Amino acid sequence: NAYTLQPVSSCALGKQCLALSLDWSTGRTERASDQPLKIIGSDSKGQLHLLEVTEAGLQEVATWPAHHFEAWIAAFDYWRTEIVYSGGDDGLLKGWDARTPGTCVFTSERHSMGVCSVQSSPHREDILATGSYDEHVLLWDTRNMKEPFADMAAQGGVWRLKWHPFHHHLLLAACMHGGFQIFNLQKAIEEKQEAYTVSVSHTLPNSLVYGADWSWLYSGSLSEIHQPCCLGTSPCGNSRARAAPLCSLKAVHQSPAASGHHLAEDKEEGPSRLQSGNKQRPPLQPLAEDTTKSGSWRHTAGTKVCDCDLCLEAATLNTDLLATCSFYDHVLHLWKWESS
């Protein structure tokens, strides 16, 4: 089918101003339908922009100065969308009351360098994750923003953080030269203490990972998705593919840009010591990659479109898709993570 993309509305930020981030107020799927749909954005002049989506289009609610330098990130508290958070190159993490724009609720200097990433947990109220150039991920109880309850080394500047769409304890981090990591925060969240493991730590040589996110593909029942999504240029040969929501790619060989896998030891407390050379089937497999140099999709070397019998098998609770995009190598990677 052919699709067309049409701009519905737009909002100008001003001359010589770069939009750096945005977040929707719909971080929780159970959001009340009567709540207005809003967007919070940040820009290179350190400002925040609060917008509302109405039937008439995009309406600017308010703009206010938030940071002395670039405001790298802006995000809603998904449980109290009148509260928004921001992080800037001035090293400050701030909270704001959007009902009275420009009213600062708190300012934290806990990060020692620029704050690049903030995300409220969509699963647990009062849980907030932040990341910084200082190579640390902090977990906060939003009822007490004086000090985080967990401080985790990330082995790279933390440019983006994404909570898993279904599993409340998994946090994906894009760590620039440190690649990407998946934190298991089960004990940290439940007991509000500094106890965590690193389930996966994966570096990509000669690249900086700036983006990472989980797929929501398994959020609905299989029957709700009417058409298969086949990654690649060849259709699935199996006629049963029409009933399958996912035709993933099976990686026969690793992408040339991918390094070895690093698996965390099963420890309950403190940062995990990473180990390599696991003889078992690797839990993280590159499926495909897209190069932005030519603007066209390409398969990872040695990949093939899967037998669609595997499509339904992939949609299990212990199989996840995630994507990363990186600087310098101009590549977007698609990964399948099989957790035990």
Foldseek 3Di string as FASTA:
>chain_A
DDDDDDDPDDDDPDPPKAWQEKEWLCLAVPDDPPDWIWMWTWIQCQKIWIWTQDPNGIHTDDMDHHDNGGFNDKYAQNVDRQKIWTWAQVQKIWIARNVPPPHTPDIDNPGPGTWAEKDHQNPDHQWIWTFAQSQWIFIDRNVDPHHGQEIGGRQAGFNYKEADPPDRQWIWTQGFQQGIWIKGCVCCVVVVHHWIEIFWGWGFPQWTWNDKYWDCQLVDDLQVQQAADWPDDDDAPDPCRRSFNYFFKDAPDAAPRTDFIWGFDPDGGDYTDTDGDDPDDAQKGWGAKQAPPVPDGDGGPPIDTDNCVCRVVQSDPQKIWMWIAIPPRRMIIIMIGGDD
